[in-house]
Structure formats: C-alpha cells, structure tokens
Amino acid sequence: MRDFLESIRQVDCDVNRLMIRKHSATLHGHRTSFSLEDEFWAELKTISASRSMSLAALISEIDDHRSRDSNLSSALRLHVLSWAKAGCGGRP
C-alpha cells in the first residue's frame, strides 16, 4: 500500500509540473497571449538571462523568426528545444 500511495504522489507531482498557463506579451505594440507549460516558461527566462536580454525581447525575436503558419506557443517550445539540443549555451 505504501508503494501505491507513493506512486500516486509521484503522478500528482508530475501532473502539477505539466500545468499549461496563459502568458501575455506586447510584441511590436500589440498585446498577444500564448500558453506554455511552466518548464518551457522557466527555460525561456534562463535563455533570456544567458543572452543578457529581456524576456520580452527574446519572445519578440522568436516571433519575428517563426514561420507564419506556426503559432507562437509552438515557436517558443521549439526555440527552447533547439537551445537545449545545442547544449544550453548556443543560440539556435
């Protein structure tokens, strides 16, 4: 029973970490919103800090370079993935 309860706690923790939250930003004078999991949001903050730029500037840069048939949330996730694959120190 103890193992079962521990596994339930672990699943509960995993679900809480996967929360998708709405965020808002002003890009080129226009307000926009996007949804991201907390982990992606935290990594975007890390990326912007490592590049000595504001989070808003990073999001704007990603938005400027994304494919027009892609949504901003997906572009942000792909940017974080590219950053991670590059070793968390290179620019995608």
C-alpha atoms as a PDB file:
ATOM      1  CA  MET A   1       0.000   0.000   0.000  1.00  0.00           C
ATOM      2  CA  ARG A   2       2.845   2.402   0.795  1.00  0.00           C
ATOM      3  CA  ASP A   3       4.320   1.925  -2.700  1.00  0.00           C
ATOM      4  CA  PHE A   4       0.933   2.565  -4.235  1.00  0.00           C
ATOM      5  CA  LEU A   5       0.470   5.805  -2.294  1.00  0.00           C
ATOM      6  CA  GLU A   6       3.985   6.913  -3.217  1.00  0.00           C
ATOM      7  CA  SER A   7       3.273   6.281  -6.912  1.00  0.00           C
ATOM      8  CA  ILE A   8       0.073   8.348  -6.659  1.00  0.00           C
ATOM      9  CA  ARG A   9       2.030  11.203  -5.078  1.00  0.00           C
ATOM     10  CA  GLN A  10       4.581  10.990  -7.884  1.00  0.00           C
ATOM     11  CA  VAL A  11       1.881  11.119 -10.567  1.00  0.00           C
ATOM     12  CA  ASP A  12       0.278  14.061  -8.780  1.00  0.00           C
ATOM     13  CA  CYS A  13       3.623  15.900  -8.756  1.00  0.00           C
ATOM     14  CA  ASP A  14       4.175  15.154 -12.445  1.00  0.00           C
ATOM     15  CA  VAL A  15       0.725  16.459 -13.362  1.00  0.00           C
ATOM     16  CA  ASN A  16       1.293  19.644 -11.380  1.00  0.00           C
ATOM     17  CA  ARG A  17       4.568  20.244 -13.219  1.00  0.00           C
ATOM     18  CA  LEU A  18       2.817  19.964 -16.578  1.00  0.00           C
ATOM     19  CA  MET A  19       0.433  22.828 -15.990  1.00  0.00           C
ATOM     20  CA  ILE A  20      -0.128  24.977 -19.035  1.00  0.00           C
ATOM     21  CA  ARG A  21      -0.506  28.625 -18.171  1.00  0.00           C
ATOM     22  CA  LYS A  22      -1.557  31.620 -20.226  1.00  0.00           C
ATOM     23  CA  HIS A  23       1.009  34.380 -20.607  1.00  0.00           C
ATOM     24  CA  SER A  24       0.703  37.776 -22.255  1.00  0.00           C
ATOM     25  CA  ALA A  25       3.263  39.909 -24.019  1.00  0.00           C
ATOM     26  CA  THR A  26       3.357  43.050 -26.092  1.00  0.00           C
ATOM     27  CA  LEU A  27       5.025  42.405 -29.435  1.00  0.00           C
ATOM     28  CA  HIS A  28       5.600  45.393 -31.686  1.00  0.00           C
ATOM     29  CA  GLY A  29       2.940  47.384 -29.840  1.00  0.00           C
ATOM     30  CA  HIS A  30       0.274  44.652 -29.925  1.00  0.00           C
ATOM     31  CA  ARG A  31      -0.824  42.531 -26.965  1.00  0.00           C
ATOM     32  CA  THR A  32      -0.819  38.812 -27.584  1.00  0.00           C
ATOM     33  CA  SER A  33      -1.260  35.776 -25.389  1.00  0.00           C
ATOM     34  CA  PHE A  34       0.138  32.288 -25.571  1.00  0.00           C
ATOM     35  CA  SER A  35       0.027  29.143 -23.488  1.00  0.00           C
ATOM     36  CA  LEU A  36       3.125  27.372 -22.183  1.00  0.00           C
ATOM     37  CA  GLU A  37       3.988  24.732 -19.655  1.00  0.00           C
ATOM     38  CA  ASP A  38       5.837  26.077 -16.616  1.00  0.00           C
ATOM     39  CA  GLU A  39       9.046  24.272 -17.619  1.00  0.00           C
ATOM     40  CA  PHE A  40       9.147  25.995 -21.007  1.00  0.00           C
ATOM     41  CA  TRP A  41       8.461  29.362 -19.378  1.00  0.00           C
ATOM     42  CA  ALA A  42      11.308  28.812 -16.919  1.00  0.00           C
ATOM     43  CA  GLU A  43      13.690  27.847 -19.731  1.00  0.00           C
ATOM     44  CA  LEU A  44      12.773  30.942 -21.741  1.00  0.00           C
ATOM     45  CA  LYS A  45      13.708  33.022 -18.702  1.00  0.00           C
ATOM     46  CA  THR A  46      17.017  31.154 -18.467  1.00  0.00           C
ATOM     47  CA  ILE A  47      17.726  31.695 -22.159  1.00  0.00           C
ATOM     48  CA  SER A  48      16.960  35.409 -21.987  1.00  0.00           C
ATOM     49  CA  ALA A  49      19.167  35.828 -18.908  1.00  0.00           C
ATOM     50  CA  SER A  50      22.043  33.937 -20.516  1.00  0.00           C
ATOM     51  CA  ARG A  51      21.774  36.183 -23.564  1.00  0.00           C
ATOM     52  CA  SER A  52      21.543  39.327 -21.405  1.00  0.00           C
ATOM     53  CA  MET A  53      18.243  40.339 -22.920  1.00  0.00           C
ATOM     54  CA  SER A  54      14.770  40.848 -21.577  1.00  0.00           C
ATOM     55  CA  LEU A  55      12.254  38.055 -21.802  1.00  0.00           C
ATOM     56  CA  ALA A  56      10.028  40.318 -23.904  1.00  0.00           C
ATOM     57  CA  ALA A  57      12.882  40.913 -26.360  1.00  0.00           C
ATOM     58  CA  LEU A  58      13.529  37.171 -26.656  1.00  0.00           C
ATOM     59  CA  ILE A  59       9.857  36.409 -27.269  1.00  0.00           C
ATOM     60  CA  SER A  60       9.703  39.182 -29.855  1.00  0.00           C
ATOM     61  CA  GLU A  61      12.796  37.807 -31.615  1.00  0.00           C
ATOM     62  CA  ILE A  62      11.321  34.305 -31.711  1.00  0.00           C
ATOM     63  CA  ASP A  63       8.051  35.709 -33.023  1.00  0.00           C
ATOM     64  CA  ASP A  64       9.872  37.636 -35.764  1.00  0.00           C
ATOM     65  CA  HIS A  65      11.639  34.496 -36.983  1.00  0.00           C
ATOM     66  CA  ARG A  66       8.832  31.956 -36.750  1.00  0.00           C
ATOM     67  CA  SER A  67       7.037  30.590 -39.746  1.00  0.00           C
ATOM     68  CA  ARG A  68       3.767  32.415 -40.336  1.00  0.00           C
ATOM     69  CA  ASP A  69       1.924  29.084 -40.410  1.00  0.00           C
ATOM     70  CA  SER A  70       3.189  28.318 -36.887  1.00  0.00           C
ATOM     71  CA  ASN A  71       1.650  29.630 -33.692  1.00  0.00           C
ATOM     72  CA  LEU A  72       3.692  31.499 -31.115  1.00  0.00           C
ATOM     73  CA  SER A  73       3.362  28.844 -28.397  1.00  0.00           C
ATOM     74  CA  SER A  74       4.809  26.200 -30.702  1.00  0.00           C
ATOM     75  CA  ALA A  75       7.593  28.509 -31.851  1.00  0.00           C
ATOM     76  CA  LEU A  76       8.565  29.202 -28.233  1.00  0.00           C
ATOM     77  CA  ARG A  77       8.652  25.489 -27.394  1.00  0.00           C
ATOM     78  CA  LEU A  78      10.744  24.728 -30.472  1.00  0.00           C
ATOM     79  CA  HIS A  79      13.167  27.500 -29.556  1.00  0.00           C
ATOM     80  CA  VAL A  80      13.645  26.011 -26.085  1.00  0.00           C
ATOM     81  CA  LEU A  81      14.133  22.561 -27.637  1.00  0.00           C
ATOM     82  CA  SER A  82      16.725  23.887 -30.084  1.00  0.00           C
ATOM     83  CA  TRP A  83      18.509  25.676 -27.255  1.00  0.00           C
ATOM     84  CA  ALA A  84      18.583  22.504 -25.165  1.00  0.00           C
ATOM     85  CA  LYS A  85      19.821  20.379 -28.089  1.00  0.00           C
ATOM     86  CA  ALA A  86      22.593  22.906 -28.699  1.00  0.00           C
ATOM     87  CA  GLY A  87      23.843  22.316 -25.159  1.00  0.00           C
ATOM     88  CA  CYS A  88      22.022  25.150 -23.375  1.00  0.00           C
ATOM     89  CA  GLY A  89      24.720  27.596 -24.329  1.00  0.00           C
ATOM     90  CA  GLY A  90      24.472  28.015 -28.048  1.00  0.00           C
ATOM     91  CA  ARG A  91      21.983  30.066 -29.938  1.00  0.00           C
ATOM     92  CA  PRO A  92      19.525  28.014 -32.043  1.00  0.00           C
END
